[in-house]
């Protein structure tokens, strides 16, 4: 029987480095896409590619299937949620955040790629 205990320091350091690089890459692509207007990055596709690359890296270094699956799922979650947050941060940084009222919506479930076109009015018009 093998001994049970802490993993070697190099393995813990490699795992921590891979996780940090993956997180920065996933979030960073969304921020870069929102800041510079690159659609592929702003939509979260770049973050999904980073999550897939991290899962592939773990597969190459022969990590367990459970770990690879967990990393893939937990990497996809921020990749899909980061774009909205990044846009909010970029707009707040540029001082372009204001409350609006949606006045009409075109599109919906049958629209191309499931997106809607919304018309909005600023809240100052309703005060």
C-alpha atoms as a PDB file:
ATOM      1  CA  UNK A   1       0.000   0.000   0.000  1.00  0.00           C
ATOM      2  CA  UNK A   2       1.188   3.488  -0.819  1.00  0.00           C
ATOM      3  CA  UNK A   3       1.382   6.248   1.706  1.00  0.00           C
ATOM      4  CA  UNK A   4      -1.293   8.866   1.901  1.00  0.00           C
ATOM      5  CA  UNK A   5      -0.360  12.471   2.464  1.00  0.00           C
ATOM      6  CA  UNK A   6       0.238  15.777   0.844  1.00  0.00           C
ATOM      7  CA  UNK A   7       1.186  15.940  -2.835  1.00  0.00           C
ATOM      8  CA  UNK A   8       4.715  16.978  -3.772  1.00  0.00           C
ATOM      9  CA  UNK A   9       5.280  20.725  -3.685  1.00  0.00           C
ATOM     10  CA  UNK A  10       6.036  20.903  -7.408  1.00  0.00           C
ATOM     11  CA  UNK A  11       2.703  19.265  -8.207  1.00  0.00           C
ATOM     12  CA  UNK A  12       0.777  21.653  -5.967  1.00  0.00           C
ATOM     13  CA  UNK A  13       2.641  24.626  -7.481  1.00  0.00           C
ATOM     14  CA  UNK A  14       1.956  23.393 -11.029  1.00  0.00           C
ATOM     15  CA  UNK A  15      -1.739  22.927 -10.268  1.00  0.00           C
ATOM     16  CA  UNK A  16      -2.006  26.367  -8.682  1.00  0.00           C
ATOM     17  CA  UNK A  17      -0.183  27.976 -11.614  1.00  0.00           C
ATOM     18  CA  UNK A  18      -2.383  26.205 -14.185  1.00  0.00           C
ATOM     19  CA  UNK A  19      -5.549  27.255 -12.348  1.00  0.00           C
ATOM     20  CA  UNK A  20      -4.455  30.886 -12.020  1.00  0.00           C
ATOM     21  CA  UNK A  21      -3.328  31.146 -15.645  1.00  0.00           C
ATOM     22  CA  UNK A  22      -6.598  29.569 -16.779  1.00  0.00           C
ATOM     23  CA  UNK A  23      -8.729  31.930 -14.687  1.00  0.00           C
ATOM     24  CA  UNK A  24      -6.825  35.009 -15.862  1.00  0.00           C
ATOM     25  CA  UNK A  25      -7.074  33.845 -19.487  1.00  0.00           C
ATOM     26  CA  UNK A  26     -10.827  33.170 -19.270  1.00  0.00           C
ATOM     27  CA  UNK A  27     -11.665  36.484 -17.591  1.00  0.00           C
ATOM     28  CA  UNK A  28      -9.016  38.411 -19.528  1.00  0.00           C
ATOM     29  CA  UNK A  29     -10.441  37.444 -22.908  1.00  0.00           C
ATOM     30  CA  UNK A  30     -13.856  38.802 -21.920  1.00  0.00           C
ATOM     31  CA  UNK A  31     -12.370  42.057 -20.625  1.00  0.00           C
ATOM     32  CA  UNK A  32     -10.204  42.467 -23.734  1.00  0.00           C
ATOM     33  CA  UNK A  33     -13.188  41.747 -25.981  1.00  0.00           C
ATOM     34  CA  UNK A  34     -15.358  44.309 -24.185  1.00  0.00           C
ATOM     35  CA  UNK A  35     -12.621  46.934 -24.076  1.00  0.00           C
ATOM     36  CA  UNK A  36     -11.476  46.648 -27.693  1.00  0.00           C
ATOM     37  CA  UNK A  37     -14.760  45.548 -29.302  1.00  0.00           C
ATOM     38  CA  UNK A  38     -13.601  42.144 -30.546  1.00  0.00           C
ATOM     39  CA  UNK A  39     -16.828  40.135 -30.990  1.00  0.00           C
ATOM     40  CA  UNK A  40     -15.308  36.647 -30.601  1.00  0.00           C
ATOM     41  CA  UNK A  41     -13.786  37.586 -27.286  1.00  0.00           C
ATOM     42  CA  UNK A  42     -16.676  39.727 -26.066  1.00  0.00           C
ATOM     43  CA  UNK A  43     -19.202  36.916 -26.667  1.00  0.00           C
ATOM     44  CA  UNK A  44     -17.330  34.480 -24.422  1.00  0.00           C
ATOM     45  CA  UNK A  45     -16.025  32.261 -27.212  1.00  0.00           C
ATOM     46  CA  UNK A  46     -12.431  33.118 -26.334  1.00  0.00           C
ATOM     47  CA  UNK A  47     -13.061  32.202 -22.703  1.00  0.00           C
ATOM     48  CA  UNK A  48     -14.571  28.866 -23.747  1.00  0.00           C
ATOM     49  CA  UNK A  49     -11.487  28.197 -25.876  1.00  0.00           C
ATOM     50  CA  UNK A  50      -9.278  28.948 -22.858  1.00  0.00           C
ATOM     51  CA  UNK A  51     -11.340  26.596 -20.672  1.00  0.00           C
ATOM     52  CA  UNK A  52     -11.065  23.877 -23.327  1.00  0.00           C
ATOM     53  CA  UNK A  53      -7.305  24.459 -23.596  1.00  0.00           C
ATOM     54  CA  UNK A  54      -6.938  24.120 -19.822  1.00  0.00           C
ATOM     55  CA  UNK A  55      -8.934  20.874 -19.846  1.00  0.00           C
ATOM     56  CA  UNK A  56      -6.813  19.598 -22.745  1.00  0.00           C
ATOM     57  CA  UNK A  57      -3.631  20.502 -20.845  1.00  0.00           C
ATOM     58  CA  UNK A  58      -4.857  18.522 -17.846  1.00  0.00           C
ATOM     59  CA  UNK A  59      -5.610  15.577 -20.127  1.00  0.00           C
ATOM     60  CA  UNK A  60      -2.112  15.755 -21.639  1.00  0.00           C
ATOM     61  CA  UNK A  61      -0.472  15.693 -18.198  1.00  0.00           C
ATOM     62  CA  UNK A  62      -2.650  12.671 -17.394  1.00  0.00           C
ATOM     63  CA  UNK A  63      -4.890  14.208 -14.763  1.00  0.00           C
ATOM     64  CA  UNK A  64      -7.888  12.138 -13.730  1.00  0.00           C
ATOM     65  CA  UNK A  65     -11.117  12.210 -15.722  1.00  0.00           C
ATOM     66  CA  UNK A  66     -13.033  13.626 -12.771  1.00  0.00           C
ATOM     67  CA  UNK A  67     -10.626  16.555 -12.409  1.00  0.00           C
ATOM     68  CA  UNK A  68     -10.678  17.266 -16.137  1.00  0.00           C
ATOM     69  CA  UNK A  69     -14.487  17.202 -16.192  1.00  0.00           C
ATOM     70  CA  UNK A  70     -14.789  19.481 -13.176  1.00  0.00           C
ATOM     71  CA  UNK A  71     -12.295  21.954 -14.626  1.00  0.00           C
ATOM     72  CA  UNK A  72     -14.091  21.945 -17.982  1.00  0.00           C
ATOM     73  CA  UNK A  73     -17.489  22.657 -16.408  1.00  0.00           C
ATOM     74  CA  UNK A  74     -16.195  25.187 -13.880  1.00  0.00           C
ATOM     75  CA  UNK A  75     -14.149  26.864 -16.617  1.00  0.00           C
ATOM     76  CA  UNK A  76     -17.147  27.173 -18.925  1.00  0.00           C
ATOM     77  CA  UNK A  77     -19.283  28.852 -16.240  1.00  0.00           C
ATOM     78  CA  UNK A  78     -17.175  32.017 -15.859  1.00  0.00           C
ATOM     79  CA  UNK A  79     -16.490  32.004 -19.605  1.00  0.00           C
ATOM     80  CA  UNK A  80     -20.223  32.379 -20.221  1.00  0.00           C
ATOM     81  CA  UNK A  81     -20.860  34.875 -17.406  1.00  0.00           C
ATOM     82  CA  UNK A  82     -17.739  37.022 -17.712  1.00  0.00           C
ATOM     83  CA  UNK A  83     -18.765  38.923 -20.878  1.00  0.00           C
ATOM     84  CA  UNK A  84     -21.720  40.667 -19.209  1.00  0.00           C
ATOM     85  CA  UNK A  85     -19.636  41.547 -16.188  1.00  0.00           C
ATOM     86  CA  UNK A  86     -16.740  42.762 -18.343  1.00  0.00           C
ATOM     87  CA  UNK A  87     -19.028  45.029 -20.358  1.00  0.00           C
ATOM     88  CA  UNK A  88     -20.372  46.519 -17.138  1.00  0.00           C
ATOM     89  CA  UNK A  89     -16.862  47.134 -15.832  1.00  0.00           C
ATOM     90  CA  UNK A  90     -15.675  48.717 -19.082  1.00  0.00           C
ATOM     91  CA  UNK A  91     -18.735  50.966 -19.324  1.00  0.00           C
ATOM     92  CA  UNK A  92     -18.392  51.996 -15.674  1.00  0.00           C
ATOM     93  CA  UNK A  93     -14.725  52.783 -16.251  1.00  0.00           C
ATOM     94  CA  UNK A  94     -15.706  55.018 -19.170  1.00  0.00           C
ATOM     95  CA  UNK A  95     -18.488  56.582 -17.055  1.00  0.00           C
ATOM     96  CA  UNK A  96     -21.139  55.508 -19.565  1.00  0.00           C
ATOM     97  CA  UNK A  97     -23.482  53.647 -17.214  1.00  0.00           C
ATOM     98  CA  UNK A  98     -27.045  54.871 -16.879  1.00  0.00           C
ATOM     99  CA  UNK A  99     -30.457  53.403 -16.138  1.00  0.00           C
ATOM    100  CA  UNK A 100     -32.740  52.841 -19.112  1.00  0.00           C
ATOM    101  CA  UNK A 101     -36.279  51.678 -19.858  1.00  0.00           C
ATOM    102  CA  UNK A 102     -36.820  49.090 -22.596  1.00  0.00           C
ATOM    103  CA  UNK A 103     -39.461  50.503 -24.963  1.00  0.00           C
ATOM    104  CA  UNK A 104     -39.642  47.707 -27.570  1.00  0.00           C
ATOM    105  CA  UNK A 105     -38.129  44.308 -28.331  1.00  0.00           C
ATOM    106  CA  UNK A 106     -37.702  42.717 -31.765  1.00  0.00           C
ATOM    107  CA  UNK A 107     -36.646  39.141 -32.360  1.00  0.00           C
ATOM    108  CA  UNK A 108     -36.791  36.556 -29.635  1.00  0.00           C
ATOM    109  CA  UNK A 109     -36.609  32.755 -29.698  1.00  0.00           C
ATOM    110  CA  UNK A 110     -37.040  32.574 -33.484  1.00  0.00           C
ATOM    111  CA  UNK A 111     -34.447  35.267 -34.185  1.00  0.00           C
ATOM    112  CA  UNK A 112     -31.050  34.510 -35.662  1.00  0.00           C
ATOM    113  CA  UNK A 113     -28.724  33.180 -32.926  1.00  0.00           C
ATOM    114  CA  UNK A 114     -31.465  33.791 -30.326  1.00  0.00           C
ATOM    115  CA  UNK A 115     -30.669  37.484 -29.900  1.00  0.00           C
ATOM    116  CA  UNK A 116     -33.090  40.365 -29.531  1.00  0.00           C
ATOM    117  CA  UNK A 117     -32.887  43.974 -30.647  1.00  0.00           C
ATOM    118  CA  UNK A 118     -34.114  46.272 -27.887  1.00  0.00           C
ATOM    119  CA  UNK A 119     -34.993  49.957 -28.094  1.00  0.00           C
ATOM    120  CA  UNK A 120     -34.353  51.907 -24.902  1.00  0.00           C
ATOM    121  CA  UNK A 121     -34.983  55.358 -23.463  1.00  0.00           C
ATOM    122  CA  UNK A 122     -33.039  56.939 -20.650  1.00  0.00           C
ATOM    123  CA  UNK A 123     -34.637  57.147 -17.230  1.00  0.00           C
ATOM    124  CA  UNK A 124     -34.410  60.956 -17.288  1.00  0.00           C
ATOM    125  CA  UNK A 125     -37.152  61.012 -19.915  1.00  0.00           C
ATOM    126  CA  UNK A 126     -39.565  59.403 -17.429  1.00  0.00           C
ATOM    127  CA  UNK A 127     -38.896  61.577 -14.386  1.00  0.00           C
END
